[in-house]
Amino acid sequence: MKRYSGYLGWLLTFFLCQFLGVVLFNLTIDPYGAIATPTIAGFNQSKPEQRNHVRLFKAIAITRQKPTIILLGSSRTEVGLNPNHVAIPTPSSTYNLGISGANMYEVLRYFQHALKNQPDLTHVIIGIDFFMFNHQRANQIDFDETRLEKQHITLPDFLDVTFSLDTLSTSYTTLLANRPDSSATPYYANGMRNPDFFIQHDLPEQSIVKGFKFSLRKYLHDPTLYQDYTLSRQQLNYLKQLINLCQKNQIKLHLFISPSHATQWEAIRSAGLWAVFEEWKREVVQITPVWDFSGYNSITTEPISETMNNYFDNSHYRQNVGDLVLNQLLHHHLDSVPQDFGSVITPETLESHLQTIRSNREIWVKTNPPGWQLLPSLNQKL
């Protein structure tokens, strides 16, 4: 009997050591950047899996950093808006809270999460996109209400990032990804997406042209984007709730429509949604004035090539374009902003603004056939 109890004790000790080893390994590698373990180049600095756990690590980052200025929106905000922009009042207390693939409800909830953790929030800069207001666009699979409006990491999240075997597997692949010559990580500490990582891992074969084709097909054939688009009254109400909260808490709000490439607007037209796109803008300006950087202008009509200065693909603009957006919103160095890039739209100015976009589109179609003719070749499904 003593022999069996000794064996049982040895076995329990063995499994306890294994368990503690898993916990220690996960804590040391911290593959999602959720624990804020110190990083070492070539060991755990590069965290490729962060891009698949954005809603997790950004929610936790807010509880630690408690920024007074946040940048909100989709992955367009993540990639294009730099929290360290010179015109931002307190860059050291600014966080890019853009959420890949978010709908407007998710944006609202992460704003509420930030406000709960930082009641002295002073500025909110929000990029909105047409797809965010699609009735078909549900919350993404990694969205979790229970981690929001908490002021610390929740117990389920802590257990998941330290004790789980899934995280163990991710920690192992993260360790393998940290070659001495590969220290790039998907996100900076301020929440902005790393453009170099984006090019290497999110563009098909690291090709801008192929990125355009792949992304445009996706927008055309994904029901949650443009294929079965229905403008959601509820998503518009979430925007209204966010604006009301800003007013109630005396938070300075800067709202803008993202400056995607002209082919993005052609995708909307190709999907038969142009009238709905214009109606969306009418609904938004009934809620609040908004800066509109969409349309056909000197920035968005850049010819498609592998050496583009303004875009990674049809959807995502580069930081230099984001800097122009922030210059315009924050009234900084306005002489650097092209005169045709961005207009404030209100109920009084909207119809003439929409007509100007239509006219600019006709000019672009006549002078840039390769751009708008790209769409017909993408009608086949992925």
Foldseek 3Di string as FASTA:
>chain_A
DVVVVVVVVVVVVVVVVVQVVLLVLLLQLVLQCQNVHDDDFLFRLARACVLVQVQRRLLQLLLVLLALEEEEEALQQQFAAQLVQPLNPCSSRYAYSHYHLAALLVRLQVVLQSCLNHVNRAAYEYAYEPLSQFPPRDGDPNDDSVSGSDNHGDPVSSCCSRRDVVNSVSSVVSRVQRHNVDSDYQADSRSHGDVVVCLVPVAVVSFQVSSQLVVLLCQLPPCSHQQVGDGHPVSLVSVLVSVVVCVVSVHHYAYEHDAFALVVLLSCVVSVNNVVVLVVVLSNQVRPKHKYQYAADPQRHPDDDRPDDFDSYRGHGHHVVNSLVCCVRSVHPPVVHPPPGIDTDHNVCSVVVVVVRVVSVVVSCVVPVVSSVSPVVSNDHD
